[in-house]
Amino acid sequence: MDRVSFVVLDEADKMLDMGFELQVLSILDATRPDRQTLMFSATFKKNVRAIANKLLGPNRVEVMIGRAGTSNENVIQVVHVFKNGYRQKLAWLEETLPELILAGRVIVFVGTRENCEEVSE
């Protein structure tokens, strides 16, 4: 790890928000002090920003697109609640997916690799 000169933390806010600050610090402490560190996040809440400031130090460069702590205004999020769990979700997806594809690009998030394989079939 002492030869690592470039560290990328994607979804850094999620890692820190989930309580992995000590693990991230441990990794960074094991790398070169002159490394370049990049942290990517769609949103950076205030409490997570404080941790990020501690991790990156005073010479950090911050690049923001949009407003910090908010998601993109052009994203439309629709929430469906299914009482019967995964099977009902899968049936809804199979029924609705052709319409979604016609409307544009689609990203489907699943909880496990097994679910991913089932959805892709």
Protein backbone atom coordinates (compact mmCIF):
# COMPACT_ATOMS: atom_id res chain seq x y z
CA MET A 1 0.00 0.00 0.00
CA ASP A 2 2.94 2.36 0.51
CA ARG A 3 3.38 2.50 -3.28
CA VAL A 4 -0.19 3.63 -3.95
CA SER A 5 -0.17 7.17 -5.27
CA PHE A 6 -3.76 7.51 -6.48
CA VAL A 7 -6.88 6.65 -4.42
CA VAL A 8 -10.45 6.85 -5.76
CA LEU A 9 -13.41 6.61 -3.38
CA ASP A 10 -16.64 6.31 -5.33
CA GLU A 11 -19.87 6.74 -3.37
CA ALA A 12 -17.66 8.12 -0.61
CA ASP A 13 -20.60 9.72 1.18
CA LYS A 14 -22.34 6.36 1.42
CA MET A 15 -19.24 4.68 2.89
CA LEU A 16 -18.82 7.43 5.46
CA ASP A 17 -22.54 7.66 6.21
CA MET A 18 -22.63 3.89 6.85
CA GLY A 19 -19.90 4.25 9.47
CA PHE A 20 -16.81 3.13 7.54
CA GLU A 21 -14.79 6.20 8.52
CA LEU A 22 -12.21 4.16 10.48
CA GLN A 23 -11.75 1.71 7.60
CA VAL A 24 -11.33 4.52 5.07
CA LEU A 25 -8.84 6.24 7.40
CA SER A 26 -6.95 2.97 7.80
CA ILE A 27 -6.64 2.56 4.04
CA LEU A 28 -5.55 6.16 3.54
CA ASP A 29 -3.04 5.93 6.39
CA ALA A 30 -1.45 2.91 4.70
CA THR A 31 -0.90 4.81 1.44
CA ARG A 32 1.72 7.41 0.57
CA PRO A 33 1.17 10.81 2.20
CA ASP A 34 1.72 12.54 -1.16
CA ARG A 35 -1.02 10.49 -2.86
CA GLN A 36 -3.83 12.04 -4.85
CA THR A 37 -7.23 11.25 -3.39
CA LEU A 38 -10.51 11.58 -5.27
CA MET A 39 -13.91 11.30 -3.61
CA PHE A 40 -17.03 11.04 -5.76
CA SER A 41 -20.60 11.41 -4.61
CA ALA A 42 -23.97 12.39 -6.02
CA THR A 43 -24.82 14.14 -2.75
CA PHE A 44 -22.62 15.22 0.14
CA LYS A 45 -24.52 15.86 3.37
CA LYS A 46 -23.08 18.29 5.94
CA ASN A 47 -21.97 15.60 8.41
CA VAL A 48 -20.25 13.65 5.63
CA ARG A 49 -18.62 16.82 4.29
CA ALA A 50 -17.01 17.35 7.71
CA ILE A 51 -15.48 13.87 7.60
CA ALA A 52 -14.36 14.38 3.99
CA ASN A 53 -12.68 17.66 4.98
CA LYS A 54 -10.79 15.79 7.70
CA LEU A 55 -9.75 13.05 5.24
CA LEU A 56 -8.62 15.35 2.44
CA GLY A 57 -7.04 18.16 4.44
CA PRO A 58 -6.83 21.92 3.85
CA ASN A 59 -5.34 21.77 0.33
CA ARG A 60 -8.30 20.00 -1.21
CA VAL A 61 -9.97 21.10 -4.44
CA GLU A 62 -13.73 20.78 -4.53
CA VAL A 63 -15.63 20.47 -7.82
CA MET A 64 -19.40 20.74 -7.62
CA ILE A 65 -21.93 20.45 -10.37
CA GLY A 66 -25.22 21.79 -9.09
CA ARG A 67 -25.84 22.48 -5.41
CA ALA A 68 -24.05 20.49 -2.72
CA GLY A 69 -26.23 18.16 -0.68
CA THR A 70 -28.98 17.90 -3.28
CA SER A 71 -29.66 15.61 -6.19
CA ASN A 72 -30.08 16.70 -9.79
CA GLU A 73 -33.35 18.53 -10.41
CA ASN A 74 -33.77 16.74 -13.76
CA VAL A 75 -34.06 13.32 -12.12
CA ILE A 76 -37.58 12.06 -11.70
CA GLN A 77 -37.96 9.49 -8.94
CA VAL A 78 -41.10 7.39 -8.69
CA VAL A 79 -41.56 5.09 -5.71
CA HIS A 80 -43.74 1.97 -5.78
CA VAL A 81 -44.36 0.03 -2.56
CA PHE A 82 -45.02 -3.69 -2.95
CA LYS A 83 -46.56 -5.54 -0.04
CA ASN A 84 -45.73 -9.02 -1.37
CA GLY A 85 -42.00 -8.43 -1.77
CA TYR A 86 -39.59 -9.49 -4.47
CA ARG A 87 -41.93 -11.61 -6.63
CA GLN A 88 -44.42 -8.76 -6.96
CA LYS A 89 -41.59 -6.35 -7.82
CA LEU A 90 -40.28 -8.70 -10.49
CA ALA A 91 -43.74 -9.12 -12.03
CA TRP A 92 -44.19 -5.32 -12.10
CA LEU A 93 -40.77 -4.89 -13.72
CA GLU A 94 -41.47 -7.50 -16.41
CA GLU A 95 -44.77 -5.78 -17.21
CA THR A 96 -43.45 -2.20 -17.14
CA LEU A 97 -39.93 -2.56 -18.57
CA PRO A 98 -40.85 -2.38 -22.29
CA GLU A 99 -42.62 0.96 -21.69
CA LEU A 100 -39.67 2.28 -19.66
CA ILE A 101 -37.20 1.28 -22.39
CA LEU A 102 -39.24 3.13 -25.01
CA ALA A 103 -39.13 6.25 -22.82
CA GLY A 104 -35.32 6.24 -22.60
CA ARG A 105 -32.43 4.68 -20.73
CA VAL A 106 -33.22 2.45 -17.77
CA ILE A 107 -31.12 1.43 -14.76
CA VAL A 108 -32.39 -1.38 -12.55
CA PHE A 109 -30.87 -1.75 -9.08
CA VAL A 110 -31.09 -5.07 -7.25
CA GLY A 111 -29.94 -6.19 -3.82
CA THR A 112 -27.92 -9.29 -4.65
CA ARG A 113 -25.98 -10.88 -7.48
CA GLU A 114 -28.57 -13.66 -7.52
CA ASN A 115 -31.33 -11.08 -8.07
CA CYS A 116 -29.24 -9.51 -10.84
CA GLU A 117 -28.95 -12.81 -12.67
CA GLU A 118 -32.68 -13.47 -12.29
CA VAL A 119 -33.65 -10.02 -13.57
CA SER A 120 -31.24 -10.23 -16.51
CA GLU A 121 -32.78 -13.58 -17.57
